[in-house]
Amino acid sequence: MATETAKIDAKLVKELREKSGAPMGDCLKALQEAKGDMEEAFVVLRKRGMASAAKKASRSTNEGLVGSYIHAGGKIGVLLELNCESDFVARTDDFQELLKDIAMHIAATDPRYVGKEEVTAEDIEREKEIFRAQAAASGKPANIIEKMLEGKMSKFYEEVCLLEQPFIKEQSVTIAQLIAQKIGKLGENISVRRFARFKIGESNWTVATTKLAASSEEAQA
């Protein structure tokens, strides 16, 4: 192991640490596994982060913070509730940075839902019918249209669901993966509970809540 460790330049470890936010030890192991390839090591860390997040997904997140982001000029504003397991983690710089980054992302991209689970059946069916009609008009046969539909819906979810969207500051990472990275680093489950986005001059505004949060609020009503 000592020989393998010596082959990895400390500068690479530091660079990966800054890029991923993962602990130094994890960065070193990822670089060893990737034989010094920075991009491959980052992929390794992302996969481990998602695996770690999946293991912690069942944990209750009853602490957290409500944060806001006001776009330059005060024309767009976002309120976001980001949850975690303890007040200690909620007060860390890493958690607060994540809160700010996600709120800024929402201001820029205007997602309509938190995740795919919240997309209404009506919206899903309407999107499918629009695509089927467009594809049929172009002369594509029905069996080909149905095969293409999966990819089309994946793109649709990316457009309207916060967790599916590529992070505006780093397009190779989705918001779900960004959260997973922080889960791996902080050791607690983290989840978006709800958000609201307002824009000057628009008659409607976006308010998105997870199914779990909505069920909890209905039970308390």
Protein backbone atom coordinates (compact mmCIF):
# COMPACT_ATOMS: atom_id res chain seq x y z
CA MET A 1 0.00 0.00 0.00
CA ALA A 2 2.85 2.38 0.84
CA THR A 3 4.28 1.94 -2.66
CA GLU A 4 0.89 2.67 -4.27
CA THR A 5 0.43 5.76 -2.09
CA ALA A 6 3.83 7.11 -3.12
CA LYS A 7 2.84 6.99 -6.77
CA ILE A 8 0.03 9.53 -6.27
CA ASP A 9 1.19 13.13 -6.27
CA ALA A 10 -0.04 15.05 -3.23
CA LYS A 11 -1.04 17.91 -5.53
CA LEU A 12 -3.46 15.58 -7.33
CA VAL A 13 -5.02 14.56 -4.03
CA LYS A 14 -5.44 18.20 -3.03
CA GLU A 15 -6.90 19.10 -6.43
CA LEU A 16 -9.44 16.26 -6.23
CA ARG A 17 -10.27 17.27 -2.66
CA GLU A 18 -11.05 20.82 -3.80
CA LYS A 19 -13.07 19.61 -6.79
CA SER A 20 -15.14 16.98 -4.98
CA GLY A 21 -15.26 18.10 -1.35
CA ALA A 22 -14.53 14.51 -0.30
CA PRO A 23 -12.11 13.72 2.56
CA MET A 24 -8.40 13.52 1.66
CA GLY A 25 -8.26 9.79 2.41
CA ASP A 26 -11.15 9.06 0.07
CA CYS A 27 -9.54 11.19 -2.65
CA LEU A 28 -6.27 9.28 -2.31
CA LYS A 29 -8.05 5.90 -2.56
CA ALA A 30 -10.05 7.07 -5.58
CA LEU A 31 -6.88 8.25 -7.36
CA GLN A 32 -5.14 4.95 -6.58
CA GLU A 33 -8.11 3.05 -7.98
CA ALA A 34 -8.12 5.27 -11.07
CA LYS A 35 -4.32 4.99 -11.44
CA GLY A 36 -3.89 8.73 -11.13
CA ASP A 37 -6.57 9.70 -13.65
CA MET A 38 -8.29 12.76 -12.18
CA GLU A 39 -11.55 12.50 -14.12
CA GLU A 40 -11.91 8.78 -13.46
CA ALA A 41 -11.18 9.34 -9.76
CA PHE A 42 -13.92 11.96 -9.64
CA VAL A 43 -16.34 9.45 -11.18
CA VAL A 44 -15.32 6.90 -8.51
CA LEU A 45 -16.06 9.42 -5.76
CA ARG A 46 -19.42 10.31 -7.30
CA LYS A 47 -20.44 6.65 -7.43
CA ARG A 48 -19.42 6.15 -3.80
CA GLY A 49 -21.26 9.30 -2.82
CA MET A 50 -24.48 8.06 -4.44
CA ALA A 51 -24.05 4.67 -2.75
CA SER A 52 -23.51 6.34 0.61
CA ALA A 53 -26.53 8.57 0.05
CA ALA A 54 -28.68 5.56 -0.82
CA LYS A 55 -27.73 3.85 2.45
CA LYS A 56 -28.68 6.93 4.45
CA ALA A 57 -31.85 7.74 2.48
CA SER A 58 -34.16 6.11 5.04
CA ARG A 59 -32.87 8.26 7.89
CA SER A 60 -35.19 11.01 9.12
CA THR A 61 -34.18 14.57 8.30
CA ASN A 62 -35.94 16.73 10.87
CA GLU A 63 -33.32 19.45 11.19
CA GLY A 64 -31.93 21.87 8.63
CA LEU A 65 -32.24 25.45 7.48
CA VAL A 66 -34.40 27.70 5.36
CA GLY A 67 -32.29 29.78 3.03
CA SER A 68 -32.93 32.39 0.38
CA TYR A 69 -31.33 33.63 -2.80
CA ILE A 70 -32.13 36.94 -4.48
CA HIS A 71 -30.91 37.31 -8.04
CA ALA A 72 -28.99 40.46 -8.99
CA GLY A 73 -31.40 43.37 -9.29
CA GLY A 74 -33.99 41.79 -7.00
CA LYS A 75 -36.12 40.45 -9.87
CA ILE A 76 -36.04 36.77 -8.87
CA GLY A 77 -36.15 35.31 -5.37
CA VAL A 78 -36.02 31.76 -4.00
CA LEU A 79 -36.85 30.28 -0.60
CA LEU A 80 -35.54 26.78 0.04
CA GLU A 81 -35.87 24.35 2.96
CA LEU A 82 -32.95 21.93 3.08
CA ASN A 83 -33.07 19.23 5.74
CA CYS A 84 -30.48 17.11 7.53
CA GLU A 85 -30.34 14.93 10.64
CA SER A 86 -28.79 17.27 13.21
CA ASP A 87 -28.55 20.95 14.01
CA PHE A 88 -24.77 20.52 14.22
CA VAL A 89 -24.53 19.63 10.52
CA ALA A 90 -27.03 22.35 9.60
CA ARG A 91 -24.63 24.92 11.04
CA THR A 92 -21.59 23.74 9.09
CA ASP A 93 -20.15 25.78 6.25
CA ASP A 94 -20.55 22.81 3.89
CA PHE A 95 -24.29 22.51 4.53
CA GLN A 96 -24.87 26.25 4.22
CA GLU A 97 -22.85 26.36 1.00
CA LEU A 98 -25.02 23.56 -0.39
CA LEU A 99 -28.16 25.44 0.60
CA LYS A 100 -26.95 28.58 -1.16
CA ASP A 101 -25.85 26.71 -4.29
CA ILE A 102 -29.17 24.90 -4.69
CA ALA A 103 -31.19 28.08 -4.10
CA MET A 104 -29.10 29.88 -6.73
CA HIS A 105 -29.60 26.97 -9.12
CA ILE A 106 -33.38 27.13 -8.64
CA ALA A 107 -33.35 30.86 -9.40
CA ALA A 108 -31.52 30.17 -12.66
CA THR A 109 -33.38 27.09 -13.93
CA ASP A 110 -36.91 27.38 -12.50
CA PRO A 111 -37.62 23.66 -11.87
CA ARG A 112 -41.28 22.80 -11.22
CA TYR A 113 -40.80 19.75 -9.01
CA VAL A 114 -38.30 18.48 -6.44
CA GLY A 115 -37.98 14.96 -7.91
CA LYS A 116 -39.57 12.60 -10.45
CA GLU A 117 -41.88 11.20 -7.76
CA GLU A 118 -43.68 14.53 -7.51
CA VAL A 119 -44.44 14.94 -11.23
CA THR A 120 -48.19 14.62 -11.68
CA ALA A 121 -49.68 11.85 -13.83
CA GLU A 122 -51.40 14.57 -15.88
CA ASP A 123 -48.09 16.27 -16.71
CA ILE A 124 -46.46 12.97 -17.62
CA GLU A 125 -49.30 11.90 -19.92
CA ARG A 126 -49.53 15.34 -21.54
CA GLU A 127 -45.81 15.31 -22.32
CA LYS A 128 -46.05 11.80 -23.80
CA GLU A 129 -49.00 12.78 -25.99
CA ILE A 130 -47.20 15.88 -27.27
CA PHE A 131 -44.14 13.83 -28.21
CA ARG A 132 -46.21 11.06 -29.82
CA ALA A 133 -48.07 13.64 -31.94
CA GLN A 134 -44.85 15.37 -33.00
CA ALA A 135 -43.12 12.09 -33.85
CA ALA A 136 -46.14 10.77 -35.74
CA ALA A 137 -46.33 13.97 -37.77
CA SER A 138 -42.73 13.44 -38.85
CA GLY A 139 -43.65 10.00 -40.21
CA LYS A 140 -42.06 7.78 -37.58
CA PRO A 141 -43.77 4.41 -37.01
CA ALA A 142 -45.51 3.71 -33.70
CA ASN A 143 -43.00 1.09 -32.49
CA ILE A 144 -40.09 3.49 -33.03
CA ILE A 145 -41.97 6.29 -31.27
CA GLU A 146 -42.47 4.14 -28.15
CA LYS A 147 -38.77 3.24 -28.08
CA MET A 148 -37.84 6.93 -28.31
CA LEU A 149 -40.31 7.87 -25.61
CA GLU A 150 -38.10 6.73 -22.73
CA GLY A 151 -35.29 9.04 -23.77
CA LYS A 152 -37.73 11.89 -24.32
CA MET A 153 -39.19 11.48 -20.83
CA SER A 154 -35.73 11.36 -19.30
CA LYS A 155 -35.03 14.73 -20.91
CA PHE A 156 -38.39 16.03 -19.69
CA TYR A 157 -37.59 15.06 -16.07
CA GLU A 158 -34.23 16.78 -16.40
CA GLU A 159 -35.99 19.96 -17.47
CA VAL A 160 -38.64 20.06 -14.72
CA CYS A 161 -37.20 18.17 -11.71
CA LEU A 162 -34.63 19.86 -9.49
CA LEU A 163 -32.81 16.67 -8.49
CA GLU A 164 -32.43 15.53 -12.12
CA GLN A 165 -30.95 18.80 -13.39
CA PRO A 166 -27.23 19.32 -14.11
CA PHE A 167 -25.83 21.75 -11.53
CA ILE A 168 -25.35 25.14 -13.19
CA LYS A 169 -21.86 25.58 -11.72
CA GLU A 170 -20.72 22.09 -12.77
CA GLN A 171 -22.74 20.53 -15.58
CA SER A 172 -21.23 17.05 -15.13
CA VAL A 173 -22.96 16.73 -11.75
CA THR A 174 -26.71 16.63 -11.12
CA ILE A 175 -28.26 18.25 -8.07
CA ALA A 176 -28.92 14.76 -6.65
CA GLN A 177 -25.22 13.93 -7.06
CA LEU A 178 -24.21 17.27 -5.55
CA ILE A 179 -26.29 16.45 -2.47
CA ALA A 180 -24.85 12.92 -2.39
CA GLN A 181 -21.32 14.34 -2.28
CA LYS A 182 -22.21 16.36 0.81
CA ILE A 183 -23.90 13.35 2.40
CA GLY A 184 -20.68 11.39 1.93
CA LYS A 185 -18.63 14.19 3.42
CA LEU A 186 -20.88 15.14 6.35
CA GLY A 187 -22.11 11.63 7.17
CA GLU A 188 -25.79 12.54 7.43
CA ASN A 189 -28.78 12.21 5.16
CA ILE A 190 -29.66 15.50 3.43
CA SER A 191 -32.86 16.20 1.52
CA VAL A 192 -34.68 19.03 -0.20
CA ARG A 193 -38.08 19.39 1.47
CA ARG A 194 -39.60 22.25 -0.53
CA PHE A 195 -38.86 25.46 -2.38
CA ALA A 196 -40.62 28.50 -3.80
CA ARG A 197 -39.48 30.73 -6.65
CA PHE A 198 -40.86 34.19 -7.37
CA LYS A 199 -40.21 36.44 -10.35
CA ILE A 200 -41.30 40.04 -10.74
CA GLY A 201 -44.11 40.46 -13.26
CA GLU A 202 -45.20 36.82 -13.37
CA SER A 203 -48.76 36.05 -12.28
CA ASN A 204 -47.83 32.53 -11.17
CA TRP A 205 -44.96 31.32 -9.04
CA THR A 206 -43.38 27.94 -8.51
CA VAL A 207 -43.96 26.14 -5.21
CA ALA A 208 -42.62 22.58 -5.01
CA THR A 209 -42.91 20.15 -2.09
CA THR A 210 -41.81 16.55 -1.76
CA LYS A 211 -44.53 13.91 -1.41
CA LEU A 212 -43.26 13.03 2.07
CA ALA A 213 -43.49 16.63 3.24
CA ALA A 214 -46.96 17.07 1.73
CA SER A 215 -48.22 13.88 3.43
CA SER A 216 -46.81 15.04 6.77
CA GLU A 217 -48.49 18.43 6.48
CA GLU A 218 -51.83 16.86 5.53
CA ALA A 219 -51.65 14.54 8.54
CA GLN A 220 -51.07 17.49 10.87
CA ALA A 221 -53.95 19.53 9.37
